[in-house]
C-alpha atoms as a PDB file:
ATOM      1  CA  MET A   1     119.557 110.253  32.611  1.00  0.00           C
ATOM      2  CA  TYR A   2     117.361 108.621  34.716  1.00  0.00           C
ATOM      3  CA  ALA A   3     117.915 107.667  38.169  1.00  0.00           C
ATOM      4  CA  PHE A   4     118.462 103.789  39.081  1.00  0.00           C
ATOM      5  CA  THR A   5     119.193 101.366  41.833  1.00  0.00           C
ATOM      6  CA  GLU A   6     119.830  97.595  42.179  1.00  0.00           C
ATOM      7  CA  GLN A   7     118.348  95.372  44.510  1.00  0.00           C
ATOM      8  CA  PHE A   8     118.386  91.594  44.842  1.00  0.00           C
ATOM      9  CA  GLY A   9     119.148  91.393  40.988  1.00  0.00           C
ATOM     10  CA  VAL A  10     116.204  93.898  39.853  1.00  0.00           C
ATOM     11  CA  VAL A  11     116.709  97.448  39.082  1.00  0.00           C
ATOM     12  CA  VAL A  12     114.445 100.134  40.200  1.00  0.00           C
ATOM     13  CA  VAL A  13     114.160 103.095  37.864  1.00  0.00           C
ATOM     14  CA  SER A  14     112.779 106.227  39.595  1.00  0.00           C
ATOM     15  CA  LEU A  15     110.698 108.300  37.122  1.00  0.00           C
ATOM     16  CA  ASN A  16     110.277 112.088  38.184  1.00  0.00           C
ATOM     17  CA  SER A  17     107.837 113.377  35.400  1.00  0.00           C
ATOM     18  CA  ASP A  18     104.878 112.679  33.021  1.00  0.00           C
ATOM     19  CA  VAL A  19     105.370 109.559  30.899  1.00  0.00           C
ATOM     20  CA  SER A  20     104.256 111.199  27.579  1.00  0.00           C
ATOM     21  CA  MET A  21     104.778 111.507  24.071  1.00  0.00           C
ATOM     22  CA  GLN A  22     107.275 114.145  24.841  1.00  0.00           C
ATOM     23  CA  ASN A  23     109.771 111.894  26.890  1.00  0.00           C
ATOM     24  CA  ALA A  24     108.512 108.446  26.068  1.00  0.00           C
ATOM     25  CA  VAL A  25     111.026 107.427  23.261  1.00  0.00           C
ATOM     26  CA  ALA A  26     113.747 108.734  25.294  1.00  0.00           C
ATOM     27  CA  ILE A  27     112.878 106.645  28.395  1.00  0.00           C
ATOM     28  CA  ARG A  28     112.477 103.620  26.324  1.00  0.00           C
ATOM     29  CA  ASN A  29     115.745 103.935  24.226  1.00  0.00           C
ATOM     30  CA  TRP A  30     117.509 104.855  27.692  1.00  0.00           C
ATOM     31  CA  VAL A  31     116.224 101.616  29.154  1.00  0.00           C
ATOM     32  CA  VAL A  32     116.856  99.184  26.495  1.00  0.00           C
ATOM     33  CA  ASP A  33     120.270 100.824  25.782  1.00  0.00           C
ATOM     34  CA  ASN A  34     121.586 101.428  29.625  1.00  0.00           C
ATOM     35  CA  LEU A  35     119.567  98.338  31.358  1.00  0.00           C
ATOM     36  CA  ILE A  36     118.215  95.674  29.119  1.00  0.00           C
ATOM     37  CA  LYS A  37     120.929  95.411  26.489  1.00  0.00           C
ATOM     38  CA  LYS A  38     123.437  95.050  29.209  1.00  0.00           C
ATOM     39  CA  GLY A  39     121.555  91.869  31.111  1.00  0.00           C
ATOM     40  CA  LYS A  40     119.474  94.002  33.334  1.00  0.00           C
ATOM     41  CA  ALA A  41     116.042  92.815  32.050  1.00  0.00           C
ATOM     42  CA  LYS A  42     114.193  92.832  35.378  1.00  0.00           C
ATOM     43  CA  ILE A  43     113.042  96.096  36.012  1.00  0.00           C
ATOM     44  CA  VAL A  44     110.792  97.960  38.418  1.00  0.00           C
ATOM     45  CA  PHE A  45     109.632 101.340  37.381  1.00  0.00           C
ATOM     46  CA  ASP A  46     109.103 103.683  40.503  1.00  0.00           C
ATOM     47  CA  LEU A  47     105.982 105.917  39.699  1.00  0.00           C
ATOM     48  CA  THR A  48     105.863 107.885  42.694  1.00  0.00           C
ATOM     49  CA  ASN A  49     106.781 110.959  41.316  1.00  0.00           C
ATOM     50  CA  VAL A  50     104.659 110.276  37.846  1.00  0.00           C
ATOM     51  CA  PRO A  51     101.431 112.048  37.618  1.00  0.00           C
ATOM     52  CA  LEU A  52     100.538 111.232  34.234  1.00  0.00           C
ATOM     53  CA  VAL A  53     100.982 108.637  31.974  1.00  0.00           C
ATOM     54  CA  ASP A  54      99.227 109.011  28.411  1.00  0.00           C
ATOM     55  CA  SER A  55      98.522 106.316  25.578  1.00  0.00           C
ATOM     56  CA  PHE A  56     101.866 107.033  23.986  1.00  0.00           C
ATOM     57  CA  GLY A  57     103.655 106.268  27.563  1.00  0.00           C
ATOM     58  CA  LEU A  58     101.618 103.128  27.872  1.00  0.00           C
ATOM     59  CA  GLY A  59     102.710 102.045  24.270  1.00  0.00           C
ATOM     60  CA  THR A  60     106.245 102.351  25.738  1.00  0.00           C
ATOM     61  CA  PHE A  61     105.911 100.676  28.637  1.00  0.00           C
ATOM     62  CA  VAL A  62     104.240  97.605  26.674  1.00  0.00           C
ATOM     63  CA  SER A  63     107.145  97.563  24.092  1.00  0.00           C
ATOM     64  CA  LEU A  64     109.573  97.545  27.058  1.00  0.00           C
ATOM     65  CA  HIS A  65     107.759  94.849  28.584  1.00  0.00           C
ATOM     66  CA  LYS A  66     107.920  92.683  25.415  1.00  0.00           C
ATOM     67  CA  THR A  67     111.599  93.601  25.095  1.00  0.00           C
ATOM     68  CA  ALA A  68     112.600  92.466  28.787  1.00  0.00           C
ATOM     69  CA  LEU A  69     110.724  89.495  28.200  1.00  0.00           C
ATOM     70  CA  SER A  70     112.675  88.096  25.465  1.00  0.00           C
ATOM     71  CA  SER A  71     115.268  89.341  27.340  1.00  0.00           C
ATOM     72  CA  GLY A  72     114.541  86.789  29.934  1.00  0.00           C
ATOM     73  CA  GLY A  73     112.888  89.618  32.375  1.00  0.00           C
ATOM     74  CA  ALA A  74     110.020  91.297  33.002  1.00  0.00           C
ATOM     75  CA  ILE A  75     108.734  94.711  34.528  1.00  0.00           C
ATOM     76  CA  ALA A  76     106.427  95.769  37.154  1.00  0.00           C
ATOM     77  CA  PHE A  77     105.415  99.219  38.204  1.00  0.00           C
ATOM     78  CA  ALA A  78     105.482 100.435  42.017  1.00  0.00           C
ATOM     79  CA  CYS A  79     103.185 103.303  43.503  1.00  0.00           C
ATOM     80  CA  ALA A  80     101.203 104.361  40.720  1.00  0.00           C
ATOM     81  CA  ASN A  81      98.717 107.111  41.495  1.00  0.00           C
ATOM     82  CA  GLU A  82      95.064 106.753  41.327  1.00  0.00           C
ATOM     83  CA  ASN A  83      94.752 108.216  38.003  1.00  0.00           C
ATOM     84  CA  VAL A  84      97.796 106.019  36.608  1.00  0.00           C
ATOM     85  CA  LYS A  85      96.165 102.796  38.176  1.00  0.00           C
ATOM     86  CA  LYS A  86      92.888 103.672  36.594  1.00  0.00           C
ATOM     87  CA  LEU A  87      94.119 103.994  33.264  1.00  0.00           C
ATOM     88  CA  LEU A  88      95.859 100.576  33.585  1.00  0.00           C
ATOM     89  CA  SER A  89      92.908  99.103  34.569  1.00  0.00           C
ATOM     90  CA  MET A  90      90.744 100.870  31.838  1.00  0.00           C
ATOM     91  CA  THR A  91      93.249  99.344  29.262  1.00  0.00           C
ATOM     92  CA  ALA A  92      93.622  95.941  30.923  1.00  0.00           C
ATOM     93  CA  LEU A  93      97.250  96.578  31.185  1.00  0.00           C
ATOM     94  CA  ASP A  94      97.368  95.619  34.818  1.00  0.00           C
ATOM     95  CA  LYS A  95      96.778  92.266  34.046  1.00  0.00           C
ATOM     96  CA  VAL A  96     100.275  92.248  32.164  1.00  0.00           C
ATOM     97  CA  ILE A  97     102.342  94.618  34.115  1.00  0.00           C
ATOM     98  CA  LYS A  98     101.338  94.443  37.458  1.00  0.00           C
ATOM     99  CA  ASN A  99     101.104  97.477  39.938  1.00  0.00           C
ATOM    100  CA  TYR A 100     102.566  97.099  43.690  1.00  0.00           C
ATOM    101  CA  ASN A 101     102.128  99.327  46.602  1.00  0.00           C
ATOM    102  CA  SER A 102     105.360  99.592  47.429  1.00  0.00           C
ATOM    103  CA  VAL A 103     109.086  99.491  45.298  1.00  0.00           C
ATOM    104  CA  MET A 104     110.074  96.362  47.534  1.00  0.00           C
ATOM    105  CA  GLU A 105     107.122  94.555  46.462  1.00  0.00           C
ATOM    106  CA  ALA A 106     107.357  94.949  43.106  1.00  0.00           C
ATOM    107  CA  VAL A 107     111.212  94.038  43.629  1.00  0.00           C
ATOM    108  CA  ASN A 108     110.188  90.799  45.334  1.00  0.00           C
ATOM    109  CA  SER A 109     107.732  89.845  42.489  1.00  0.00           C
ATOM    110  CA  LEU A 110     110.642  89.832  40.083  1.00  0.00           C
ATOM    111  CA  LYS A 111     113.491  88.640  41.918  1.00  0.00           C
END
């Protein structure tokens, strides 16, 4: 189970661990089953407490982004650390899924 809140019709999912091969599939399945399939396709991932995202985790976010788009939503990141920002930039994923300095900025971008 993952912690989430809803603000202005946007769901904020607070992740508290690495997003890696060990847990990315579980995160994806939970988001799809508990949010997107229930009509909550505008999602901000609060990465404040996420020290690492590996390539498998990036692929999971791309998959979630596509699923959200096909359901009329989108995803955004908030509060990624410098290492995660660098990875997003190196892979050009930051052009597709935007990262914001605060959760509120990310929520405002999707509402």
